[in-house]
Amino acid sequence: MTSIVIPAHNEARVIGRLLDSLLVDPSADETDIVVVCNGCTDDTARIAAARGPRVRVVEIPVPSKHAALRTGDEHARGFPRLYVDADVVITGADVRALTGPLDDGTSGILATAPERRIPLAACAWRVRAYYQVWQRLPAVREGLFGRGVIAVSKAGQARIAALPPLMADDLAASLAFAPEERLVVGAASVVIQPPRTWRDLIKRRIRAAVSTAQVEQHHRPEEASARTSTADLGALLRREPRLFAGVVVFVAAAVAARRGAGKAIRAQDFGTWLRDESSRQN
C-alpha cells in the first residue's frame, strides 16, 4: 500500500484542492492518505476530514513540519511513501508514476520526485522573469528539492527519517541520495503555485537562503551544492541570450535575499518561517 503523508499548518485555503485531486482517481482506493495538522488554528483538519474515510487526519499541537512528518510516519501504513506539501497539486496517476521506479534492490532508485509545473500568468513580470531563469538551472532541474513532493522506498525513508530537523527539509532529503539513487520522473508532474508579487518572492528567497545556510552546517560544502554559480548563469546566457533581463532580475533577487537572510543566519535563527500568502490565493 502506498502511503501519502501531508503535513499541513493552517492550510485551509489549499488543502481541499490537493485532496480532491488525489481522490478523484478511483484506482487509488488503496492509497493511504494521512494529513498531519500541526499547530493549526484554522479549519484545515475539518476540511481534510470532510473528504471522507480515505483521508485520515492526525492533529498535533506543535507547528513543526519536521514533527508532522515523523508523526505521519508513525501513522502511515505502507511503502512506497510520499511526502507531499499541502499547497501543491498532484494526481493519483502522478503518484503511481513516482512509485513505479522505486526499488531497494536491482535499480537502486530510493527516491523520486515529479517535474514542476509553475503557472506564472498571474505573477508580476519580475517574478515571471525570475522563474524563467530558475527553472533552467542545473541544480534546480536535477535535484529533488523545490517540488513539494518526494517519494521514497522503505530504505529511502529510513535515510531521510534520520535527518535532523531542518528548514530546507526537501533540500536535505535530496542531498541524502547520490545522483544514481534519485530520479526526477518525467511522466509525473506537480503544480506549484509561485508567489505572485516581488515582495513575496523575496520572502521565499530569504527563507531559502537561511535554510540553505543551515543545511550547509550539516554537510561538507561540496555535498550541499544547491547554490547557483556565476558559471551556471554564464552558461545559460550563452545558450539563451534572450534571458539576459531575467538573469539581471535573478541576480537582484539573490542579492536582496542574501541581505535579508544575513541577520537570521548570524543569529542562527532557523525557526522563523517567512510564509508567502500570495501563492495561496484562489
Protein backbone atom coordinates (compact mmCIF):
# COMPACT_ATOMS: atom_id res chain seq x y z
CA MET A 1 0.00 0.00 0.00
CA THR A 2 1.32 3.43 -0.95
CA SER A 3 1.14 5.95 1.89
CA ILE A 4 0.93 9.71 1.38
CA VAL A 5 1.88 11.93 4.31
CA ILE A 6 0.73 15.56 4.07
CA PRO A 7 2.00 17.97 6.76
CA ALA A 8 -0.37 20.93 7.00
CA HIS A 9 -0.09 24.09 9.10
CA ASN A 10 -3.06 26.45 8.60
CA GLU A 11 -3.66 25.30 5.02
CA ALA A 12 -7.46 25.60 4.99
CA ARG A 13 -7.39 27.61 1.77
CA VAL A 14 -5.49 25.00 -0.23
CA ILE A 15 -5.71 21.54 1.37
CA GLY A 16 -9.01 20.78 -0.36
CA ARG A 17 -7.66 21.18 -3.89
CA LEU A 18 -4.82 18.74 -3.21
CA LEU A 19 -7.06 16.11 -1.61
CA ASP A 20 -9.68 16.44 -4.34
CA SER A 21 -7.01 15.89 -6.96
CA LEU A 22 -5.77 12.76 -5.19
CA LEU A 23 -9.23 11.36 -4.50
CA VAL A 24 -10.73 11.83 -7.96
CA ASP A 25 -8.82 8.76 -9.18
CA PRO A 26 -10.87 5.65 -8.24
CA SER A 27 -7.92 3.35 -8.91
CA ALA A 28 -6.16 4.94 -5.93
CA ASP A 29 -8.60 3.43 -3.42
CA GLU A 30 -5.79 1.53 -1.75
CA THR A 31 -3.71 4.66 -1.25
CA ASP A 32 -3.28 5.55 2.41
CA ILE A 33 -3.55 9.34 2.92
CA VAL A 34 -2.54 10.86 6.26
CA VAL A 35 -2.94 14.60 6.84
CA VAL A 36 -0.98 15.79 9.86
CA CYS A 37 -2.35 19.11 11.05
CA ASN A 38 0.45 20.69 13.08
CA GLY A 39 -0.39 23.65 15.28
CA CYS A 40 -3.39 24.61 13.15
CA THR A 41 -5.66 27.43 14.27
CA ASP A 42 -7.92 27.32 11.21
CA ASP A 43 -10.25 24.78 9.57
CA THR A 44 -7.56 22.60 7.98
CA ALA A 45 -8.47 19.50 10.00
CA ARG A 46 -12.21 19.87 9.40
CA ILE A 47 -11.79 20.38 5.67
CA ALA A 48 -9.48 17.38 5.35
CA ALA A 49 -11.72 15.13 7.43
CA ALA A 50 -14.73 16.12 5.32
CA ARG A 51 -13.10 14.34 2.32
CA GLY A 52 -14.22 11.02 3.77
CA PRO A 53 -12.71 7.79 5.10
CA ARG A 54 -9.87 7.64 2.57
CA VAL A 55 -8.27 10.57 4.41
CA ARG A 56 -7.06 10.10 7.97
CA VAL A 57 -6.45 13.28 9.96
CA VAL A 58 -3.95 13.45 12.80
CA GLU A 59 -3.58 16.61 14.89
CA ILE A 60 -0.52 17.65 16.89
CA PRO A 61 -0.21 20.89 18.88
CA VAL A 62 3.26 21.99 17.77
CA PRO A 63 3.59 23.93 14.48
CA SER A 64 6.53 21.94 13.15
CA LYS A 65 6.85 20.37 9.72
CA HIS A 66 9.56 18.02 10.96
CA ALA A 67 7.34 16.82 13.81
CA ALA A 68 4.44 16.46 11.38
CA LEU A 69 6.50 14.31 9.01
CA ARG A 70 7.66 12.00 11.77
CA THR A 71 4.12 11.79 13.18
CA GLY A 72 2.91 10.92 9.70
CA ASP A 73 5.47 8.12 9.55
CA GLU A 74 4.09 6.73 12.81
CA HIS A 75 0.58 6.56 11.34
CA ALA A 76 1.37 5.63 7.73
CA ARG A 77 0.58 2.05 6.76
CA GLY A 78 2.81 1.20 3.84
CA PHE A 79 5.51 1.74 1.23
CA PRO A 80 6.37 3.32 -1.07
CA ARG A 81 5.78 6.54 0.84
CA LEU A 82 5.21 10.06 -0.44
CA TYR A 83 5.66 13.30 1.44
CA VAL A 84 3.51 15.99 -0.14
CA ASP A 85 3.24 19.69 0.77
CA ALA A 86 -0.35 20.80 1.32
CA ASP A 87 -0.13 23.74 -1.10
CA VAL A 88 0.71 21.76 -4.26
CA VAL A 89 -1.50 19.69 -6.56
CA ILE A 90 -0.69 16.17 -7.74
CA THR A 91 -2.90 13.39 -9.12
CA GLY A 92 -3.21 9.70 -8.41
CA ALA A 93 -1.68 8.93 -11.82
CA ASP A 94 1.35 11.03 -10.89
CA VAL A 95 1.65 9.13 -7.61
CA ARG A 96 1.75 5.82 -9.48
CA ALA A 97 4.38 7.17 -11.88
CA LEU A 98 6.55 8.22 -8.94
CA THR A 99 6.32 4.93 -7.09
CA GLY A 100 7.00 2.75 -10.14
CA PRO A 101 10.80 3.23 -10.32
CA LEU A 102 11.39 2.85 -6.58
CA ASP A 103 13.38 -0.25 -5.83
CA ASP A 104 15.57 -1.15 -2.87
CA GLY A 105 17.13 -3.93 -4.94
CA THR A 106 18.15 -4.03 -8.59
CA SER A 107 17.65 -0.47 -9.82
CA GLY A 108 18.91 1.21 -6.66
CA ILE A 109 16.43 4.11 -7.03
CA LEU A 110 15.48 5.10 -3.49
CA ALA A 111 13.81 8.49 -4.07
CA THR A 112 11.83 10.13 -6.86
CA ALA A 113 10.17 13.47 -7.50
CA PRO A 114 7.95 14.89 -10.25
CA GLU A 115 8.58 17.53 -12.86
CA ARG A 116 7.42 21.00 -11.84
CA ARG A 117 4.55 22.89 -13.43
CA ILE A 118 4.63 26.52 -12.30
CA PRO A 119 1.75 28.66 -13.60
CA LEU A 120 3.12 32.18 -13.97
CA ALA A 121 0.30 34.04 -15.74
CA ALA A 122 -0.95 35.78 -12.58
CA CYS A 123 2.53 36.79 -11.41
CA ALA A 124 4.29 40.15 -11.64
CA TRP A 125 6.71 40.38 -14.56
CA ARG A 126 9.80 40.23 -12.33
CA VAL A 127 8.51 37.03 -10.74
CA ARG A 128 7.94 35.52 -14.19
CA ALA A 129 11.44 36.58 -15.28
CA TYR A 130 12.97 35.07 -12.14
CA TYR A 131 11.34 31.68 -12.63
CA GLN A 132 12.20 31.54 -16.32
CA VAL A 133 15.83 31.54 -15.21
CA TRP A 134 15.46 29.49 -12.02
CA GLN A 135 13.76 26.56 -13.74
CA ARG A 136 16.65 26.22 -16.21
CA LEU A 137 19.46 25.97 -13.65
CA PRO A 138 21.23 22.58 -13.44
CA ALA A 139 20.81 22.07 -9.69
CA VAL A 140 17.14 23.00 -9.92
CA ARG A 141 16.49 20.62 -12.82
CA GLU A 142 18.36 17.69 -11.27
CA GLY A 143 17.59 17.99 -7.54
CA LEU A 144 14.50 16.67 -5.79
CA PHE A 145 14.02 19.89 -3.82
CA GLY A 146 11.59 22.70 -4.57
CA ARG A 147 8.92 20.34 -5.88
CA GLY A 148 6.73 19.87 -2.81
CA VAL A 149 6.70 16.10 -3.37
CA ILE A 150 9.22 13.35 -2.72
CA ALA A 151 8.54 9.62 -2.94
CA VAL A 152 10.77 7.09 -1.21
CA SER A 153 11.20 3.36 -0.88
CA LYS A 154 11.45 1.76 2.56
CA ALA A 155 15.24 2.13 2.54
CA GLY A 156 14.93 5.70 1.30
CA GLN A 157 12.50 6.57 4.06
CA ALA A 158 14.90 5.23 6.68
CA ARG A 159 17.58 7.51 5.33
CA ILE A 160 15.57 10.74 5.43
CA ALA A 161 13.95 9.85 8.77
CA ALA A 162 17.45 10.01 10.25
CA LEU A 163 17.92 13.62 9.16
CA PRO A 164 17.88 16.36 11.83
CA PRO A 165 15.11 18.99 11.88
CA LEU A 166 15.94 21.46 9.10
CA MET A 167 14.03 24.27 7.43
CA ALA A 168 15.09 23.04 3.99
CA ASP A 169 13.89 19.50 4.59
CA ASP A 170 13.44 18.90 0.86
CA LEU A 171 16.98 20.07 0.05
CA ALA A 172 18.38 17.90 2.84
CA ALA A 173 16.36 14.96 1.57
CA SER A 174 17.65 15.47 -1.97
CA LEU A 175 21.24 15.63 -0.76
CA ALA A 176 20.74 12.45 1.26
CA PHE A 177 20.76 10.48 -2.00
CA ALA A 178 23.53 10.11 -4.53
CA PRO A 179 22.62 11.10 -8.12
CA GLU A 180 22.25 7.45 -9.09
CA GLU A 181 19.85 6.85 -6.17
CA ARG A 182 17.39 9.60 -7.05
CA LEU A 183 15.29 10.27 -10.13
CA VAL A 184 13.13 13.09 -11.46
CA VAL A 185 10.27 11.25 -13.19
CA GLY A 186 9.27 12.89 -16.45
CA ALA A 187 5.93 11.08 -16.54
CA ALA A 188 4.84 12.74 -13.26
CA SER A 189 4.19 16.40 -12.61
CA VAL A 190 3.19 18.61 -9.72
CA VAL A 191 1.57 22.03 -9.88
CA ILE A 192 3.39 24.52 -7.67
CA GLN A 193 1.80 27.91 -7.16
CA PRO A 194 4.51 30.60 -7.30
CA PRO A 195 4.49 33.86 -5.35
CA ARG A 196 2.60 36.48 -7.29
CA THR A 197 4.44 39.56 -6.08
CA TRP A 198 8.09 40.57 -5.91
CA ARG A 199 7.80 41.07 -2.16
CA ASP A 200 6.55 37.53 -1.65
CA LEU A 201 9.23 36.15 -3.95
CA ILE A 202 11.90 37.81 -1.82
CA LYS A 203 10.29 36.29 1.30
CA ARG A 204 10.69 32.88 -0.27
CA ARG A 205 14.25 33.56 -1.36
CA ILE A 206 15.24 34.82 2.11
CA ARG A 207 13.80 31.63 3.60
CA ALA A 208 15.70 29.59 1.02
CA ALA A 209 18.96 31.41 1.77
CA VAL A 210 18.57 30.91 5.52
CA SER A 211 17.61 27.27 5.20
CA THR A 212 20.42 26.52 2.73
CA ALA A 213 22.90 28.01 5.19
CA GLN A 214 21.51 25.71 7.88
CA VAL A 215 21.84 22.64 5.63
CA GLU A 216 25.42 23.59 4.82
CA GLN A 217 26.24 23.50 8.53
CA HIS A 218 25.37 19.79 8.49
CA HIS A 219 27.20 18.91 5.26
CA ARG A 220 30.58 19.43 3.74
CA PRO A 221 30.39 22.35 1.24
CA GLU A 222 30.75 20.06 -1.76
CA GLU A 223 27.83 17.94 -0.52
CA ALA A 224 25.45 20.86 -0.03
CA SER A 225 25.83 22.27 -3.51
CA ALA A 226 22.44 23.61 -4.50
CA ARG A 227 23.69 27.15 -4.97
CA THR A 228 23.85 28.84 -8.35
CA SER A 229 27.27 29.92 -9.56
CA THR A 230 28.18 32.70 -11.96
CA ALA A 231 29.36 29.93 -14.29
CA ASP A 232 25.84 28.49 -14.31
CA LEU A 233 24.37 31.86 -15.25
CA GLY A 234 27.04 32.47 -17.86
CA ALA A 235 26.40 29.10 -19.49
CA LEU A 236 22.67 29.82 -19.51
CA LEU A 237 23.17 33.16 -21.23
CA ARG A 238 25.40 31.62 -23.87
CA ARG A 239 22.67 29.11 -24.67
CA GLU A 240 19.79 31.57 -24.44
CA PRO A 241 20.90 35.21 -24.77
CA ARG A 242 17.25 36.31 -24.73
CA LEU A 243 17.21 35.59 -20.97
CA PHE A 244 19.57 38.47 -20.18
CA ALA A 245 16.85 40.55 -18.47
CA GLY A 246 15.76 37.50 -16.49
CA VAL A 247 19.32 36.89 -15.29
CA VAL A 248 19.51 40.52 -14.12
CA VAL A 249 16.27 40.00 -12.16
CA PHE A 250 17.57 36.69 -10.79
CA VAL A 251 20.77 38.30 -9.53
CA ALA A 252 18.82 41.18 -7.98
CA ALA A 253 16.62 38.68 -6.11
CA ALA A 254 19.69 36.76 -4.94
CA VAL A 255 21.34 39.92 -3.62
CA ALA A 256 18.15 41.03 -1.83
CA ALA A 257 17.69 37.57 -0.33
CA ARG A 258 21.29 37.39 0.88
CA ARG A 259 20.95 40.76 2.59
CA GLY A 260 17.62 39.81 4.13
CA ALA A 261 18.93 36.47 5.35
CA GLY A 262 22.11 37.82 6.91
CA LYS A 263 20.64 38.77 10.28
CA ALA A 264 18.86 35.42 10.73
CA ILE A 265 21.97 33.45 9.76
CA ARG A 266 24.18 35.42 12.15
CA ALA A 267 21.65 34.86 14.94
CA GLN A 268 21.29 31.17 13.98
CA ASP A 269 17.55 31.79 13.69
CA PHE A 270 16.40 28.77 11.72
CA GLY A 271 12.88 28.73 13.11
CA THR A 272 11.26 31.86 11.67
CA TRP A 273 9.24 30.81 8.62
CA LEU A 274 8.60 33.64 6.16
CA ARG A 275 5.40 32.43 4.54
CA ASP A 276 4.25 33.56 1.12
CA GLU A 277 0.48 34.07 1.25
CA SER A 278 0.05 35.29 -2.33
CA SER A 279 0.54 31.78 -3.71
CA ARG A 280 -2.37 30.59 -1.56
CA GLN A 281 -4.89 32.83 -3.26
CA ASN A 282 -7.69 31.17 -5.20
